[in-house]
Amino acid sequence: MSGSLIEARGLTKHYDAFSLEGVDLTVNEGEVVGFIGQNGAGKSTTIKALLGLFPVDGGTSSVLGVPSDELSRASGAAVKERVGVVFDAISLPEHLKVADVGHIYERTYATWDAHRFGRLTAGFGLDAKKTVKSLSRGMGMKLSLACALAHDARLLILDEATAGLDPMARDEVLDLLRDFVAEPGRAILMSSHITSDLERIADRIVCIDAGRIVFDLPKDVITDEMGVARCRVADLEKIADSGVVPDAELRYLRHDYGIDVLVPDRFAFAESFPEIPVDRMTIDDYMTLTLKGGVR
């Protein structure tokens, strides 16, 4: 991790009904950072701010060492050569054929690799003669990914890039992303609602809610160390009084069948309470308990 490819400090943007509020975000070389949150939480707004697609009201951000507000200028063209971007909607003219898309990108990027684009589209099962309009959402995302991966990018910024893909296609894409980030000096920022994908590929998980970062943790801390205790109502006070879960970290969700309790160390918890089942934490579990869980 010898350098930051994305650096945001105090990023702020105000709209009538929504604001980004002091977002801090870093993506280092060699990392895959999963960016999660509910719909409308600020993921896409943050990504667009990082790419300099609109002016911000406060804070600073940079991509590959260049301030974000320069990316929309001619001086930022060289940096954009090294950034592959996939948004959650296909942003290509509908009348273009897949082959036409490759020809246009070849004239846009000095680093465009037509042979790699051809291999990727063929591997994705994309017919070169098909138009963008005729592609399903999943096939359209594959085309966008092929474009992002065919011009020697150092950084991929992916906004719901695996949405619409079937499980086998997602496996294929995740393998490509692993290969991409294995090369020195590269990194990925990947927003996704499919947190099982992030559990397989991410190094760190950043969660945003209502325009604010609510946690930024190594993925392995969440999935390997933490747990969810499946408790009866009577167990909650016993857990709280034991001190095994610090008061500041004791979050819970009530269900008809009992209470789920966030456990920072599931192994220590299991030793102290062998009679209470404790499951491995998922990213979804942790996000739900953090955003919706009660605090004792």
C-alpha atoms as a PDB file:
ATOM      1  CA  MET A   1       0.000   0.000   0.000  1.00  0.00           C
ATOM      2  CA  SER A   2       2.526   2.585  -1.117  1.00  0.00           C
ATOM      3  CA  GLY A   3       0.164   5.349  -2.205  1.00  0.00           C
ATOM      4  CA  SER A   4      -3.394   6.618  -2.369  1.00  0.00           C
ATOM      5  CA  LEU A   5      -5.115   6.506  -5.739  1.00  0.00           C
ATOM      6  CA  ILE A   6      -8.219   8.201  -4.299  1.00  0.00           C
ATOM      7  CA  GLU A   7      -8.106  10.710  -1.470  1.00  0.00           C
ATOM      8  CA  ALA A   8     -11.132  12.666  -0.213  1.00  0.00           C
ATOM      9  CA  ARG A   9     -11.210  14.857   2.876  1.00  0.00           C
ATOM     10  CA  GLY A  10     -14.321  16.596   4.125  1.00  0.00           C
ATOM     11  CA  LEU A  11     -16.118  16.267   0.797  1.00  0.00           C
ATOM     12  CA  THR A  12     -19.348  18.272   1.012  1.00  0.00           C
ATOM     13  CA  LYS A  13     -22.155  18.909  -1.468  1.00  0.00           C
ATOM     14  CA  HIS A  14     -25.558  20.435  -0.673  1.00  0.00           C
ATOM     15  CA  TYR A  15     -28.788  19.840  -2.560  1.00  0.00           C
ATOM     16  CA  ASP A  16     -32.321  20.842  -1.580  1.00  0.00           C
ATOM     17  CA  ALA A  17     -33.210  17.409  -0.219  1.00  0.00           C
ATOM     18  CA  PHE A  18     -29.803  15.801   0.348  1.00  0.00           C
ATOM     19  CA  SER A  19     -26.248  16.645   1.358  1.00  0.00           C
ATOM     20  CA  LEU A  20     -22.885  14.956   1.414  1.00  0.00           C
ATOM     21  CA  GLU A  21     -21.496  15.892   4.805  1.00  0.00           C
ATOM     22  CA  GLY A  22     -17.720  15.826   5.241  1.00  0.00           C
ATOM     23  CA  VAL A  23     -16.994  12.548   3.455  1.00  0.00           C
ATOM     24  CA  ASP A  24     -13.522  11.109   4.028  1.00  0.00           C
ATOM     25  CA  LEU A  25     -12.503   8.289   1.697  1.00  0.00           C
ATOM     26  CA  THR A  26      -9.167   6.758   0.751  1.00  0.00           C
ATOM     27  CA  VAL A  27      -8.353   3.996  -1.734  1.00  0.00           C
ATOM     28  CA  ASN A  28      -4.766   2.781  -1.629  1.00  0.00           C
ATOM     29  CA  GLU A  29      -2.700   0.894  -4.166  1.00  0.00           C
ATOM     30  CA  GLY A  30      -3.462  -2.799  -4.116  1.00  0.00           C
ATOM     31  CA  GLU A  31      -6.866  -2.364  -2.458  1.00  0.00           C
ATOM     32  CA  VAL A  32     -10.404  -3.230  -3.409  1.00  0.00           C
ATOM     33  CA  VAL A  33     -12.645  -0.947  -1.379  1.00  0.00           C
ATOM     34  CA  GLY A  34     -16.317  -1.872  -1.170  1.00  0.00           C
ATOM     35  CA  PHE A  35     -18.601   1.166  -0.922  1.00  0.00           C
ATOM     36  CA  ILE A  36     -22.003   0.323   0.533  1.00  0.00           C
ATOM     37  CA  GLY A  37     -25.160   2.030   1.748  1.00  0.00           C
ATOM     38  CA  GLN A  38     -28.894   2.154   1.223  1.00  0.00           C
ATOM     39  CA  ASN A  39     -30.431   3.677  -1.893  1.00  0.00           C
ATOM     40  CA  GLY A  40     -30.050   7.445  -1.718  1.00  0.00           C
ATOM     41  CA  ALA A  41     -27.304   7.266   0.915  1.00  0.00           C
ATOM     42  CA  GLY A  42     -24.777   9.157  -1.228  1.00  0.00           C
ATOM     43  CA  LYS A  43     -22.686   6.499  -2.981  1.00  0.00           C
ATOM     44  CA  SER A  44     -23.231   7.724  -6.551  1.00  0.00           C
ATOM     45  CA  THR A  45     -22.990  11.375  -5.482  1.00  0.00           C
ATOM     46  CA  THR A  46     -19.630  10.685  -3.838  1.00  0.00           C
ATOM     47  CA  ILE A  47     -18.343   8.879  -6.935  1.00  0.00           C
ATOM     48  CA  LYS A  48     -19.436  11.701  -9.237  1.00  0.00           C
ATOM     49  CA  ALA A  49     -17.811  14.260  -6.936  1.00  0.00           C
ATOM     50  CA  LEU A  50     -14.548  12.295  -7.005  1.00  0.00           C
ATOM     51  CA  LEU A  51     -14.677  12.317 -10.811  1.00  0.00           C
ATOM     52  CA  GLY A  52     -15.178  16.083 -10.894  1.00  0.00           C
ATOM     53  CA  LEU A  53     -18.581  15.849 -12.591  1.00  0.00           C
ATOM     54  CA  PHE A  54     -19.902  18.788 -10.535  1.00  0.00           C
ATOM     55  CA  PRO A  55     -18.426  21.432  -8.233  1.00  0.00           C
ATOM     56  CA  VAL A  56     -18.496  20.650  -4.512  1.00  0.00           C
ATOM     57  CA  ASP A  57     -19.314  23.014  -1.655  1.00  0.00           C
ATOM     58  CA  GLY A  58     -16.464  22.000   0.604  1.00  0.00           C
ATOM     59  CA  GLY A  59     -13.565  19.644   1.171  1.00  0.00           C
ATOM     60  CA  THR A  60     -11.009  18.302  -1.269  1.00  0.00           C
ATOM     61  CA  SER A  61     -10.542  15.171  -3.327  1.00  0.00           C
ATOM     62  CA  SER A  62      -8.040  13.801  -5.789  1.00  0.00           C
ATOM     63  CA  VAL A  63      -7.782  10.868  -8.174  1.00  0.00           C
ATOM     64  CA  LEU A  64      -4.324   9.527  -9.070  1.00  0.00           C
ATOM     65  CA  GLY A  65      -2.876  12.588  -7.348  1.00  0.00           C
ATOM     66  CA  VAL A  66      -4.808  15.112  -9.461  1.00  0.00           C
ATOM     67  CA  PRO A  67      -7.501  17.317  -7.850  1.00  0.00           C
ATOM     68  CA  SER A  68     -10.986  16.146  -8.856  1.00  0.00           C
ATOM     69  CA  ASP A  69     -11.988  19.568 -10.179  1.00  0.00           C
ATOM     70  CA  GLU A  70      -9.234  19.302 -12.801  1.00  0.00           C
ATOM     71  CA  LEU A  71     -10.569  16.054 -14.255  1.00  0.00           C
ATOM     72  CA  SER A  72     -13.222  17.845 -16.300  1.00  0.00           C
ATOM     73  CA  ARG A  73     -10.592  20.131 -17.863  1.00  0.00           C
ATOM     74  CA  ALA A  74      -8.182  19.437 -20.688  1.00  0.00           C
ATOM     75  CA  SER A  75      -5.367  19.185 -18.125  1.00  0.00           C
ATOM     76  CA  GLY A  76      -7.100  16.155 -16.617  1.00  0.00           C
ATOM     77  CA  ALA A  77      -7.263  14.140 -19.844  1.00  0.00           C
ATOM     78  CA  ALA A  78      -4.079  12.181 -19.137  1.00  0.00           C
ATOM     79  CA  VAL A  79      -5.423  11.106 -15.745  1.00  0.00           C
ATOM     80  CA  LYS A  80      -8.740   9.980 -17.226  1.00  0.00           C
ATOM     81  CA  GLU A  81      -6.769   7.684 -19.538  1.00  0.00           C
ATOM     82  CA  ARG A  82      -5.807   5.727 -16.401  1.00  0.00           C
ATOM     83  CA  VAL A  83      -9.260   5.551 -14.789  1.00  0.00           C
ATOM     84  CA  GLY A  84     -11.877   3.000 -15.845  1.00  0.00           C
ATOM     85  CA  VAL A  85     -15.415   3.949 -14.823  1.00  0.00           C
ATOM     86  CA  VAL A  86     -18.644   1.944 -14.910  1.00  0.00           C
ATOM     87  CA  PHE A  87     -21.873   3.629 -13.806  1.00  0.00           C
ATOM     88  CA  ASP A  88     -25.050   1.800 -12.850  1.00  0.00           C
ATOM     89  CA  ALA A  89     -26.709   2.782 -16.142  1.00  0.00           C
ATOM     90  CA  ILE A  90     -25.366   2.225 -19.659  1.00  0.00           C
ATOM     91  CA  SER A  91     -24.207   5.603 -20.950  1.00  0.00           C
ATOM     92  CA  LEU A  92     -23.680   4.743 -24.617  1.00  0.00           C
ATOM     93  CA  PRO A  93     -25.798   5.802 -27.620  1.00  0.00           C
ATOM     94  CA  GLU A  94     -28.403   3.116 -28.205  1.00  0.00           C
ATOM     95  CA  HIS A  95     -27.915   2.891 -31.975  1.00  0.00           C
ATOM     96  CA  LEU A  96     -24.232   1.931 -31.742  1.00  0.00           C
ATOM     97  CA  LYS A  97     -23.166  -1.628 -32.379  1.00  0.00           C
ATOM     98  CA  VAL A  98     -20.740  -3.309 -29.965  1.00  0.00           C
ATOM     99  CA  ALA A  99     -18.003  -3.126 -32.610  1.00  0.00           C
ATOM    100  CA  ASP A 100     -18.724   0.600 -33.119  1.00  0.00           C
ATOM    101  CA  VAL A 101     -18.227   1.212 -29.401  1.00  0.00           C
ATOM    102  CA  GLY A 102     -14.737  -0.265 -29.676  1.00  0.00           C
ATOM    103  CA  HIS A 103     -13.898   1.923 -32.687  1.00  0.00           C
ATOM    104  CA  ILE A 104     -15.025   5.094 -30.849  1.00  0.00           C
ATOM    105  CA  TYR A 105     -13.049   4.252 -27.725  1.00  0.00           C
ATOM    106  CA  GLU A 106      -9.997   3.529 -29.873  1.00  0.00           C
ATOM    107  CA  ARG A 107     -10.108   7.157 -31.027  1.00  0.00           C
ATOM    108  CA  THR A 108     -10.716   8.392 -27.496  1.00  0.00           C
ATOM    109  CA  TYR A 109      -8.004   6.619 -25.506  1.00  0.00           C
ATOM    110  CA  ALA A 110      -4.370   6.622 -26.542  1.00  0.00           C
ATOM    111  CA  THR A 111      -3.905   3.494 -24.425  1.00  0.00           C
ATOM    112  CA  TRP A 112      -6.846   1.606 -25.972  1.00  0.00           C
ATOM    113  CA  ASP A 113      -6.142  -2.086 -26.570  1.00  0.00           C
ATOM    114  CA  ALA A 114      -8.460  -3.238 -29.360  1.00  0.00           C
ATOM    115  CA  HIS A 115      -7.342  -6.860 -29.045  1.00  0.00           C
ATOM    116  CA  ARG A 116      -8.141  -6.902 -25.319  1.00  0.00           C
ATOM    117  CA  PHE A 117     -11.531  -5.319 -25.969  1.00  0.00           C
ATOM    118  CA  GLY A 118     -12.235  -8.004 -28.562  1.00  0.00           C
ATOM    119  CA  ARG A 119     -11.203 -10.772 -26.173  1.00  0.00           C
ATOM    120  CA  LEU A 120     -13.318  -9.353 -23.360  1.00  0.00           C
ATOM    121  CA  THR A 121     -16.441  -8.875 -25.444  1.00  0.00           C
ATOM    122  CA  ALA A 122     -16.090 -12.329 -26.958  1.00  0.00           C
ATOM    123  CA  GLY A 123     -15.537 -13.837 -23.514  1.00  0.00           C
ATOM    124  CA  PHE A 124     -18.632 -12.042 -22.254  1.00  0.00           C
ATOM    125  CA  GLY A 125     -20.669 -13.461 -25.130  1.00  0.00           C
ATOM    126  CA  LEU A 126     -21.280 -10.044 -26.703  1.00  0.00           C
ATOM    127  CA  ASP A 127     -22.136 -10.159 -30.395  1.00  0.00           C
ATOM    128  CA  ALA A 128     -20.135  -7.428 -32.178  1.00  0.00           C
ATOM    129  CA  LYS A 129     -23.082  -6.775 -34.509  1.00  0.00           C
ATOM    130  CA  LYS A 130     -25.654  -6.195 -31.775  1.00  0.00           C
ATOM    131  CA  THR A 131     -26.712  -2.667 -30.905  1.00  0.00           C
ATOM    132  CA  VAL A 132     -26.515  -1.193 -27.426  1.00  0.00           C
ATOM    133  CA  LYS A 133     -30.308  -0.871 -27.446  1.00  0.00           C
ATOM    134  CA  SER A 134     -30.761  -4.604 -27.963  1.00  0.00           C
ATOM    135  CA  LEU A 135     -28.587  -5.592 -24.986  1.00  0.00           C
ATOM    136  CA  SER A 136     -30.099  -6.693 -21.702  1.00  0.00           C
ATOM    137  CA  ARG A 137     -29.072  -4.808 -18.565  1.00  0.00           C
ATOM    138  CA  GLY A 138     -26.592  -7.523 -17.706  1.00  0.00           C
ATOM    139  CA  MET A 139     -25.046  -7.596 -21.180  1.00  0.00           C
ATOM    140  CA  GLY A 140     -24.894  -3.815 -21.182  1.00  0.00           C
ATOM    141  CA  MET A 141     -22.941  -3.909 -17.914  1.00  0.00           C
ATOM    142  CA  LYS A 142     -20.563  -6.431 -19.490  1.00  0.00           C
ATOM    143  CA  LEU A 143     -19.981  -4.038 -22.385  1.00  0.00           C
ATOM    144  CA  SER A 144     -19.279  -1.187 -19.973  1.00  0.00           C
ATOM    145  CA  LEU A 145     -16.836  -3.380 -18.039  1.00  0.00           C
ATOM    146  CA  ALA A 146     -15.062  -4.400 -21.247  1.00  0.00           C
ATOM    147  CA  CYS A 147     -14.607  -0.719 -22.078  1.00  0.00           C
ATOM    148  CA  ALA A 148     -13.266   0.063 -18.598  1.00  0.00           C
ATOM    149  CA  LEU A 149     -10.785  -2.820 -18.707  1.00  0.00           C
ATOM    150  CA  ALA A 150      -9.426  -2.212 -22.228  1.00  0.00           C
ATOM    151  CA  HIS A 151      -7.449   1.016 -21.839  1.00  0.00           C
ATOM    152  CA  ASP A 152      -4.733   0.165 -19.298  1.00  0.00           C
ATOM    153  CA  ALA A 153      -6.392   1.824 -16.314  1.00  0.00           C
ATOM    154  CA  ARG A 154      -4.664   1.963 -12.919  1.00  0.00           C
ATOM    155  CA  LEU A 155      -7.916   2.620 -11.090  1.00  0.00           C
ATOM    156  CA  LEU A 156     -11.406   1.203 -11.565  1.00  0.00           C
ATOM    157  CA  ILE A 157     -14.408   3.068 -10.157  1.00  0.00           C
ATOM    158  CA  LEU A 158     -17.434   0.795 -10.382  1.00  0.00           C
ATOM    159  CA  ASP A 159     -20.954   1.876  -9.441  1.00  0.00           C
ATOM    160  CA  GLU A 160     -23.133  -1.259  -9.180  1.00  0.00           C
ATOM    161  CA  ALA A 161     -21.098  -2.891 -11.958  1.00  0.00           C
ATOM    162  CA  THR A 162     -22.317  -6.424 -11.178  1.00  0.00           C
ATOM    163  CA  ALA A 163     -26.002  -5.442 -11.082  1.00  0.00           C
ATOM    164  CA  GLY A 164     -28.078  -7.452 -13.520  1.00  0.00           C
ATOM    165  CA  LEU A 165     -25.500 -10.201 -13.898  1.00  0.00           C
ATOM    166  CA  ASP A 166     -26.375 -13.818 -13.197  1.00  0.00           C
ATOM    167  CA  PRO A 167     -24.243 -15.675 -10.599  1.00  0.00           C
ATOM    168  CA  MET A 168     -21.944 -17.296 -13.172  1.00  0.00           C
ATOM    169  CA  ALA A 169     -21.337 -13.975 -14.930  1.00  0.00           C
ATOM    170  CA  ARG A 170     -20.604 -12.301 -11.578  1.00  0.00           C
ATOM    171  CA  ASP A 171     -18.030 -15.002 -10.831  1.00  0.00           C
ATOM    172  CA  GLU A 172     -16.392 -14.294 -14.188  1.00  0.00           C
ATOM    173  CA  VAL A 173     -16.323 -10.543 -13.539  1.00  0.00           C
ATOM    174  CA  LEU A 174     -14.936 -10.970 -10.010  1.00  0.00           C
ATOM    175  CA  ASP A 175     -12.119 -13.123 -11.410  1.00  0.00           C
ATOM    176  CA  LEU A 176     -11.281 -10.349 -13.900  1.00  0.00           C
ATOM    177  CA  LEU A 177     -11.288  -7.766 -11.112  1.00  0.00           C
ATOM    178  CA  ARG A 178      -8.984  -9.906  -8.974  1.00  0.00           C
ATOM    179  CA  ASP A 179      -6.578 -10.219 -11.910  1.00  0.00           C
ATOM    180  CA  PHE A 180      -6.762  -6.461 -12.472  1.00  0.00           C
ATOM    181  CA  VAL A 181      -5.889  -5.472  -8.916  1.00  0.00           C
ATOM    182  CA  ALA A 182      -3.135  -8.094  -8.668  1.00  0.00           C
ATOM    183  CA  GLU A 183      -1.009  -5.935 -10.984  1.00  0.00           C
ATOM    184  CA  PRO A 184       1.207  -3.462  -9.064  1.00  0.00           C
ATOM    185  CA  GLY A 185      -0.057   0.104  -8.656  1.00  0.00           C
ATOM    186  CA  ARG A 186      -3.741  -0.641  -9.221  1.00  0.00           C
ATOM    187  CA  ALA A 187      -6.874  -0.360  -7.087  1.00  0.00           C
ATOM    188  CA  ILE A 188     -10.671  -0.586  -7.254  1.00  0.00           C
ATOM    189  CA  LEU A 189     -13.472   1.416  -5.648  1.00  0.00           C
ATOM    190  CA  MET A 190     -16.620  -0.673  -6.027  1.00  0.00           C
ATOM    191  CA  SER A 191     -20.096   0.270  -4.870  1.00  0.00           C
ATOM    192  CA  SER A 192     -22.534  -2.615  -4.721  1.00  0.00           C
ATOM    193  CA  HIS A 193     -25.753  -3.780  -3.121  1.00  0.00           C
ATOM    194  CA  ILE A 194     -24.570  -7.353  -3.695  1.00  0.00           C
ATOM    195  CA  THR A 195     -22.457  -7.551  -0.563  1.00  0.00           C
ATOM    196  CA  SER A 196     -21.662 -11.235  -1.109  1.00  0.00           C
ATOM    197  CA  ASP A 197     -19.513 -10.072  -4.042  1.00  0.00           C
ATOM    198  CA  LEU A 198     -17.678  -7.674  -1.738  1.00  0.00           C
ATOM    199  CA  GLU A 199     -17.144 -10.429   0.819  1.00  0.00           C
ATOM    200  CA  ARG A 200     -15.275 -12.344  -1.874  1.00  0.00           C
ATOM    201  CA  ILE A 201     -13.154  -9.537  -3.291  1.00  0.00           C
ATOM    202  CA  ALA A 202     -12.959  -6.468  -1.013  1.00  0.00           C
ATOM    203  CA  ASP A 203     -10.147  -5.607   1.381  1.00  0.00           C
ATOM    204  CA  ARG A 204     -12.025  -2.812   3.126  1.00  0.00           C
ATOM    205  CA  ILE A 205     -15.680  -1.823   3.508  1.00  0.00           C
ATOM    206  CA  VAL A 206     -16.835   1.790   3.694  1.00  0.00           C
ATOM    207  CA  CYS A 207     -20.483   2.491   4.502  1.00  0.00           C
ATOM    208  CA  ILE A 208     -22.268   5.777   3.861  1.00  0.00           C
ATOM    209  CA  ASP A 209     -25.665   6.748   5.238  1.00  0.00           C
ATOM    210  CA  ALA A 210     -27.530  10.028   4.768  1.00  0.00           C
ATOM    211  CA  GLY A 211     -24.415  11.559   3.221  1.00  0.00           C
ATOM    212  CA  ARG A 212     -22.050  10.634   6.077  1.00  0.00           C
ATOM    213  CA  ILE A 213     -19.495   7.847   6.417  1.00  0.00           C
ATOM    214  CA  VAL A 214     -20.667   5.622   9.267  1.00  0.00           C
ATOM    215  CA  PHE A 215     -17.913   3.009   9.219  1.00  0.00           C
ATOM    216  CA  ASP A 216     -14.679   2.191   7.417  1.00  0.00           C
ATOM    217  CA  LEU A 217     -13.326  -1.229   8.390  1.00  0.00           C
ATOM    218  CA  PRO A 218     -11.170  -4.025   7.004  1.00  0.00           C
ATOM    219  CA  LYS A 219     -13.526  -6.599   5.530  1.00  0.00           C
ATOM    220  CA  ASP A 220     -11.867  -9.414   7.468  1.00  0.00           C
ATOM    221  CA  VAL A 221     -12.602  -7.683  10.778  1.00  0.00           C
ATOM    222  CA  ILE A 222     -16.297  -7.824   9.917  1.00  0.00           C
ATOM    223  CA  THR A 223     -16.494 -11.307   8.425  1.00  0.00           C
ATOM    224  CA  ASP A 224     -13.750 -13.153  10.369  1.00  0.00           C
ATOM    225  CA  GLU A 225     -13.774 -11.568  13.835  1.00  0.00           C
ATOM    226  CA  MET A 226     -17.287 -10.273  14.465  1.00  0.00           C
ATOM    227  CA  GLY A 227     -20.430 -12.273  14.991  1.00  0.00           C
ATOM    228  CA  VAL A 228     -24.183 -12.128  15.512  1.00  0.00           C
ATOM    229  CA  ALA A 229     -25.445 -13.630  18.760  1.00  0.00           C
ATOM    230  CA  ARG A 230     -28.924 -15.126  18.403  1.00  0.00           C
ATOM    231  CA  CYS A 231     -30.364 -14.378  21.811  1.00  0.00           C
ATOM    232  CA  ARG A 232     -33.519 -14.687  23.820  1.00  0.00           C
ATOM    233  CA  VAL A 233     -34.839 -11.514  25.398  1.00  0.00           C
ATOM    234  CA  ALA A 234     -33.549 -12.627  28.807  1.00  0.00           C
ATOM    235  CA  ASP A 235     -30.009 -12.989  27.450  1.00  0.00           C
ATOM    236  CA  LEU A 236     -29.538  -9.316  26.541  1.00  0.00           C
ATOM    237  CA  GLU A 237     -29.115  -8.026  30.092  1.00  0.00           C
ATOM    238  CA  LYS A 238     -26.819 -10.931  30.938  1.00  0.00           C
ATOM    239  CA  ILE A 239     -24.593 -10.059  27.959  1.00  0.00           C
ATOM    240  CA  ALA A 240     -24.615  -6.369  28.826  1.00  0.00           C
ATOM    241  CA  ASP A 241     -23.708  -6.980  32.462  1.00  0.00           C
ATOM    242  CA  SER A 242     -20.842  -9.325  31.570  1.00  0.00           C
ATOM    243  CA  GLY A 243     -18.728  -6.659  29.843  1.00  0.00           C
ATOM    244  CA  VAL A 244     -17.822  -9.109  27.059  1.00  0.00           C
ATOM    245  CA  VAL A 245     -19.440  -6.660  24.648  1.00  0.00           C
ATOM    246  CA  PRO A 246     -18.480  -3.051  25.585  1.00  0.00           C
ATOM    247  CA  ASP A 247     -21.492  -0.779  26.129  1.00  0.00           C
ATOM    248  CA  ALA A 248     -20.402   1.484  23.272  1.00  0.00           C
ATOM    249  CA  GLU A 249     -20.525  -1.482  20.855  1.00  0.00           C
ATOM    250  CA  LEU A 250     -23.676  -3.185  22.116  1.00  0.00           C
ATOM    251  CA  ARG A 251     -26.144  -2.907  19.274  1.00  0.00           C
ATOM    252  CA  TYR A 252     -29.135  -5.160  18.809  1.00  0.00           C
ATOM    253  CA  LEU A 253     -32.200  -5.833  16.691  1.00  0.00           C
ATOM    254  CA  ARG A 254     -35.412  -7.305  18.082  1.00  0.00           C
ATOM    255  CA  HIS A 255     -37.327  -9.906  16.114  1.00  0.00           C
ATOM    256  CA  ASP A 256     -40.451 -11.893  16.834  1.00  0.00           C
ATOM    257  CA  TYR A 257     -38.258 -14.885  17.618  1.00  0.00           C
ATOM    258  CA  GLY A 258     -35.617 -13.123  19.740  1.00  0.00           C
ATOM    259  CA  ILE A 259     -32.796 -10.588  19.564  1.00  0.00           C
ATOM    260  CA  ASP A 260     -29.725 -10.354  17.334  1.00  0.00           C
ATOM    261  CA  VAL A 261     -26.744  -8.814  19.120  1.00  0.00           C
ATOM    262  CA  LEU A 262     -23.608  -7.444  17.434  1.00  0.00           C
ATOM    263  CA  VAL A 263     -20.575  -9.224  18.854  1.00  0.00           C
ATOM    264  CA  PRO A 264     -17.119  -7.650  18.197  1.00  0.00           C
ATOM    265  CA  ASP A 265     -15.246 -10.926  18.915  1.00  0.00           C
ATOM    266  CA  ARG A 266     -17.358 -13.996  18.276  1.00  0.00           C
ATOM    267  CA  PHE A 267     -14.684 -16.368  19.573  1.00  0.00           C
ATOM    268  CA  ALA A 268     -14.401 -14.645  22.964  1.00  0.00           C
ATOM    269  CA  PHE A 269     -18.188 -14.452  23.113  1.00  0.00           C
ATOM    270  CA  ALA A 270     -18.551 -18.175  22.428  1.00  0.00           C
ATOM    271  CA  GLU A 271     -16.189 -18.953  25.311  1.00  0.00           C
ATOM    272  CA  SER A 272     -18.135 -16.722  27.708  1.00  0.00           C
ATOM    273  CA  PHE A 273     -21.599 -17.790  26.532  1.00  0.00           C
ATOM    274  CA  PRO A 274     -21.360 -21.297  25.065  1.00  0.00           C
ATOM    275  CA  GLU A 275     -25.123 -21.702  25.448  1.00  0.00           C
ATOM    276  CA  ILE A 276     -25.909 -18.759  23.101  1.00  0.00           C
ATOM    277  CA  PRO A 277     -25.538 -19.432  19.348  1.00  0.00           C
ATOM    278  CA  VAL A 278     -23.255 -16.944  17.607  1.00  0.00           C
ATOM    279  CA  ASP A 279     -23.018 -16.850  13.816  1.00  0.00           C
ATOM    280  CA  ARG A 280     -20.374 -15.419  11.539  1.00  0.00           C
ATOM    281  CA  MET A 281     -21.078 -11.775  10.687  1.00  0.00           C
ATOM    282  CA  THR A 282     -21.862 -10.827   7.095  1.00  0.00           C
ATOM    283  CA  ILE A 283     -21.463  -7.355   5.632  1.00  0.00           C
ATOM    284  CA  ASP A 284     -25.257  -7.117   5.379  1.00  0.00           C
ATOM    285  CA  ASP A 285     -25.626  -8.091   9.047  1.00  0.00           C
ATOM    286  CA  TYR A 286     -23.129  -5.483  10.170  1.00  0.00           C
ATOM    287  CA  MET A 287     -24.633  -2.717   8.048  1.00  0.00           C
ATOM    288  CA  THR A 288     -28.138  -3.516   9.281  1.00  0.00           C
ATOM    289  CA  LEU A 289     -27.111  -3.658  12.944  1.00  0.00           C
ATOM    290  CA  THR A 290     -25.082  -0.449  12.605  1.00  0.00           C
ATOM    291  CA  LEU A 291     -27.765   1.554  10.781  1.00  0.00           C
ATOM    292  CA  LYS A 292     -30.922   0.122  12.334  1.00  0.00           C
ATOM    293  CA  GLY A 293     -29.854  -1.544  15.544  1.00  0.00           C
ATOM    294  CA  GLY A 294     -30.809  -0.223  18.943  1.00  0.00           C
ATOM    295  CA  VAL A 295     -28.251   0.932  21.492  1.00  0.00           C
ATOM    296  CA  ARG A 296     -28.694  -0.190  25.077  1.00  0.00           C
END
